[in-house]
Amino acid sequence: MFGGLEELRRQMEEADPFSLAEAAGGTGCFLIVDVINGFLKEGALANPGALSIVGPLGAAARAAAGVGWEVVALRDEHQTDSPEFASYPPHCLAGNREAALVDELADIPLTLDLPKNSTNGLMEPAFEAYLREHPKKVFVLTGVCTDICILQLALSLKTWHEAKGRAIRVILPKDMVDTFDLPGHSRELYTLMACALMRQSGVEICGGITD
């Protein structure tokens, strides 16, 4: 559908910005996923390369809050016996600094700051309750990792709402998401693959955020 990875890369490079004005009157939610110390600064899963998204993400979140959007942070936070540690090294334990938002985002006025105990934020009852009680039409989705938590949440947001007969938009700013490089896990390849899967399901890749 998208003409291969080269075509997808070109389309992402040429993506237009998204204007916050497209969701007026409290109908927009700006999501910040796992922009926490344990994934960017310290611990077994830290990826300092992802710090490049913090500046544009923070500026966009502040602008969104300034024009009436709700801003929600979802943060990995686990107990020592988390089943997730069968797949990933222990990380982001409750009460540990790893589970906290990075200091650069400390001044952002959050509507909700929610811990999550899995890679998929929509599995958290408190977040699902928020979606039921505060229906939104547009979600801007930012954070890490593009091919894990971001991909799962994007597809879940779409399908959760579609199952209820609600049409929403999920916007993914390309400069406000990131993943990691490891042997067998190419940062660029997995980003492109994840974006292809999201676009196939109706997620809109944009070239930045304007007000």
Protein backbone atom coordinates (compact mmCIF):
# COMPACT_ATOMS: atom_id res chain seq x y z
CA MET A 1 0.00 0.00 0.00
CA PHE A 2 2.83 2.40 0.85
CA GLY A 3 5.31 1.37 -1.85
CA GLY A 4 7.98 -0.09 0.43
CA LEU A 5 10.31 1.39 3.02
CA GLU A 6 11.86 3.96 0.69
CA GLU A 7 8.45 5.35 -0.20
CA LEU A 8 7.40 5.39 3.45
CA ARG A 9 10.62 7.18 4.39
CA ARG A 10 9.90 9.81 1.73
CA GLN A 11 6.31 10.24 2.88
CA MET A 12 7.43 10.72 6.47
CA GLU A 13 10.01 13.31 5.44
CA GLU A 14 7.32 15.24 3.55
CA ALA A 15 4.60 14.95 6.22
CA ASP A 16 2.73 18.18 6.96
CA PRO A 17 2.52 19.61 10.48
CA PHE A 18 -0.62 19.22 12.57
CA SER A 19 -2.37 22.30 13.98
CA LEU A 20 -3.67 22.15 17.55
CA ALA A 21 -6.52 24.40 16.39
CA GLU A 22 -8.03 21.34 14.70
CA ALA A 23 -9.29 20.13 18.10
CA ALA A 24 -10.96 23.05 19.79
CA GLY A 25 -13.18 23.20 22.86
CA GLY A 26 -11.51 20.50 24.96
CA THR A 27 -11.75 17.75 22.33
CA GLY A 28 -8.00 17.05 22.15
CA CYS A 29 -5.72 14.91 24.32
CA PHE A 30 -1.92 15.14 24.17
CA LEU A 31 -0.37 11.86 25.30
CA ILE A 32 3.18 11.56 26.65
CA VAL A 33 4.22 7.90 26.87
CA ASP A 34 7.23 6.70 28.88
CA VAL A 35 9.33 9.85 28.61
CA ILE A 36 10.87 8.82 31.89
CA ASN A 37 14.33 8.47 33.36
CA GLY A 38 14.34 4.68 33.02
CA PHE A 39 13.99 4.84 29.25
CA LEU A 40 16.05 7.95 28.51
CA LYS A 41 18.63 8.52 31.23
CA GLU A 42 19.39 5.61 33.56
CA GLY A 43 18.75 1.94 34.16
CA ALA A 44 18.82 -1.27 32.11
CA LEU A 45 16.61 0.08 29.30
CA ALA A 46 17.90 3.67 29.09
CA ASN A 47 18.37 5.03 25.56
CA PRO A 48 19.98 8.51 25.77
CA GLY A 49 19.53 8.90 22.00
CA ALA A 50 15.82 9.37 22.62
CA LEU A 51 16.51 12.60 24.53
CA SER A 52 16.33 14.32 21.14
CA ILE A 53 12.53 14.15 21.27
CA VAL A 54 12.21 15.87 24.66
CA GLY A 55 12.63 19.45 23.40
CA PRO A 56 10.02 19.40 20.62
CA LEU A 57 7.70 17.20 22.67
CA GLY A 58 7.83 19.50 25.67
CA ALA A 59 7.22 22.60 23.57
CA ALA A 60 4.25 20.97 21.85
CA ALA A 61 2.75 19.74 25.14
CA ARG A 62 3.00 23.22 26.69
CA ALA A 63 1.39 24.74 23.59
CA ALA A 64 -1.39 22.14 23.72
CA ALA A 65 -2.12 22.84 27.38
CA GLY A 66 -2.10 26.56 26.60
CA VAL A 67 -4.94 26.21 24.08
CA GLY A 68 -7.13 23.95 26.19
CA TRP A 69 -5.94 20.45 25.37
CA GLU A 70 -5.74 17.89 28.16
CA VAL A 71 -2.22 16.48 28.66
CA VAL A 72 -1.87 12.93 29.96
CA ALA A 73 1.37 11.19 30.91
CA LEU A 74 1.58 7.39 31.00
CA ARG A 75 4.66 6.06 32.84
CA ASP A 76 6.03 2.55 33.15
CA GLU A 77 5.98 1.57 36.82
CA HIS A 78 6.38 -2.01 38.06
CA GLN A 79 6.55 -4.11 41.19
CA THR A 80 9.54 -6.42 41.64
CA ASP A 81 7.50 -9.46 40.56
CA SER A 82 6.17 -7.93 37.32
CA PRO A 83 5.55 -10.61 34.65
CA GLU A 84 6.98 -8.14 32.12
CA PHE A 85 10.44 -8.94 33.49
CA ALA A 86 10.25 -12.28 31.68
CA SER A 87 10.55 -10.29 28.44
CA TYR A 88 12.64 -7.29 29.53
CA PRO A 89 15.25 -6.69 32.23
CA PRO A 90 13.87 -5.27 35.50
CA HIS A 91 13.19 -1.56 35.08
CA CYS A 92 11.15 1.39 36.35
CA LEU A 93 10.29 -0.02 39.77
CA ALA A 94 7.64 1.80 41.81
CA GLY A 95 9.22 4.43 44.02
CA ASN A 96 12.39 4.47 41.92
CA ARG A 97 13.59 7.55 40.04
CA GLU A 98 13.51 5.51 36.82
CA ALA A 99 9.69 5.64 36.85
CA ALA A 100 9.56 9.46 36.98
CA LEU A 101 9.12 11.83 34.06
CA VAL A 102 12.37 13.45 32.96
CA ASP A 103 13.04 16.77 34.68
CA GLU A 104 12.73 18.67 31.40
CA LEU A 105 8.97 18.02 31.43
CA ALA A 106 8.38 18.85 35.10
CA ASP A 107 6.69 22.18 34.37
CA ILE A 108 4.05 20.80 32.01
CA PRO A 109 0.53 21.06 33.50
CA LEU A 110 -0.68 17.46 33.40
CA THR A 111 -4.35 16.55 33.48
CA LEU A 112 -3.37 13.04 34.54
CA ASP A 113 -0.08 11.37 35.48
CA LEU A 114 -0.72 7.63 35.38
CA PRO A 115 1.55 4.64 36.05
CA LYS A 116 1.18 1.62 33.78
CA ASN A 117 2.17 -1.96 34.49
CA SER A 118 2.45 -3.16 30.88
CA THR A 119 3.66 -1.95 27.52
CA ASN A 120 0.08 -1.07 26.51
CA GLY A 121 -1.26 1.97 28.37
CA LEU A 122 -4.86 1.19 27.46
CA MET A 123 -4.70 -1.89 29.70
CA GLU A 124 -4.62 0.41 32.72
CA PRO A 125 -8.13 0.72 34.25
CA ALA A 126 -7.56 4.35 35.24
CA PHE A 127 -6.72 5.32 31.67
CA GLU A 128 -9.67 3.43 30.23
CA ALA A 129 -11.90 5.19 32.78
CA TYR A 130 -10.50 8.52 31.63
CA LEU A 131 -11.36 7.68 28.01
CA ARG A 132 -14.92 6.78 28.99
CA GLU A 133 -15.49 9.81 31.19
CA HIS A 134 -13.68 12.41 29.06
CA PRO A 135 -14.34 11.53 25.40
CA LYS A 136 -11.92 13.11 22.93
CA LYS A 137 -11.91 13.38 19.18
CA VAL A 138 -8.18 13.83 18.58
CA PHE A 139 -5.15 12.28 20.27
CA VAL A 140 -1.58 13.42 19.69
CA LEU A 141 0.64 10.49 20.64
CA THR A 142 4.28 11.05 21.65
CA GLY A 143 7.09 9.24 23.47
CA VAL A 144 8.88 5.87 23.38
CA CYS A 145 9.24 3.26 22.05
CA THR A 146 7.76 3.72 18.59
CA ASP A 147 7.53 -0.01 17.86
CA ILE A 148 6.42 -1.14 21.32
CA CYS A 149 4.40 1.11 23.64
CA ILE A 150 3.53 3.70 20.99
CA LEU A 151 2.46 1.13 18.40
CA GLN A 152 0.36 -0.82 20.89
CA LEU A 153 -1.36 2.27 22.27
CA ALA A 154 -2.04 3.78 18.84
CA LEU A 155 -3.74 0.64 17.56
CA SER A 156 -5.61 0.13 20.84
CA LEU A 157 -6.92 3.69 20.85
CA LYS A 158 -8.27 3.24 17.34
CA THR A 159 -9.86 -0.15 17.96
CA TRP A 160 -11.24 0.71 21.44
CA HIS A 161 -13.11 3.68 20.01
CA GLU A 162 -14.15 1.93 16.80
CA ALA A 163 -15.68 -0.93 18.82
CA LYS A 164 -17.90 1.71 20.43
CA GLY A 165 -18.81 3.33 17.11
CA ARG A 166 -16.70 6.44 17.76
CA ALA A 167 -14.50 8.01 15.11
CA ILE A 168 -11.28 9.55 16.41
CA ARG A 169 -8.00 10.79 14.98
CA VAL A 170 -4.62 9.62 16.28
CA ILE A 171 -1.79 11.96 15.29
CA LEU A 172 1.84 10.84 15.50
CA PRO A 173 4.45 13.64 15.23
CA LYS A 174 7.49 11.98 13.65
CA ASP A 175 10.00 14.06 15.66
CA MET A 176 8.32 13.27 19.01
CA VAL A 177 8.63 9.48 19.02
CA ASP A 178 11.73 7.29 19.10
CA THR A 179 13.02 3.77 19.64
CA PHE A 180 16.44 2.19 20.14
CA ASP A 181 19.35 0.62 18.28
CA LEU A 182 20.59 -2.81 19.35
CA PRO A 183 21.94 -5.82 17.45
CA GLY A 184 18.92 -7.23 15.62
CA HIS A 185 16.87 -4.09 16.29
CA SER A 186 17.53 -1.27 13.84
CA ARG A 187 16.19 2.03 15.10
CA GLU A 188 15.26 3.27 11.61
CA LEU A 189 13.87 -0.02 10.32
CA TYR A 190 11.66 -0.67 13.34
CA THR A 191 10.44 2.94 13.31
CA LEU A 192 9.47 2.65 9.64
CA MET A 193 7.81 -0.72 10.15
CA ALA A 194 5.84 0.54 13.15
CA CYS A 195 4.76 3.66 11.28
CA ALA A 196 3.65 1.55 8.32
CA LEU A 197 1.48 -0.59 10.60
CA MET A 198 0.00 2.48 12.29
CA ARG A 199 -0.72 4.28 9.03
CA GLN A 200 -2.42 1.15 7.70
CA SER A 201 -4.83 1.43 10.64
CA GLY A 202 -5.51 5.12 10.08
CA VAL A 203 -2.93 6.78 12.33
CA GLU A 204 -1.78 10.08 10.83
CA ILE A 205 1.97 10.73 10.73
CA CYS A 206 2.66 14.47 10.91
CA GLY A 207 5.73 16.65 10.52
CA GLY A 208 5.46 18.55 13.78
CA ILE A 209 2.91 20.50 15.83
CA THR A 210 1.73 24.08 15.34
CA ASP A 211 -0.80 26.08 17.30
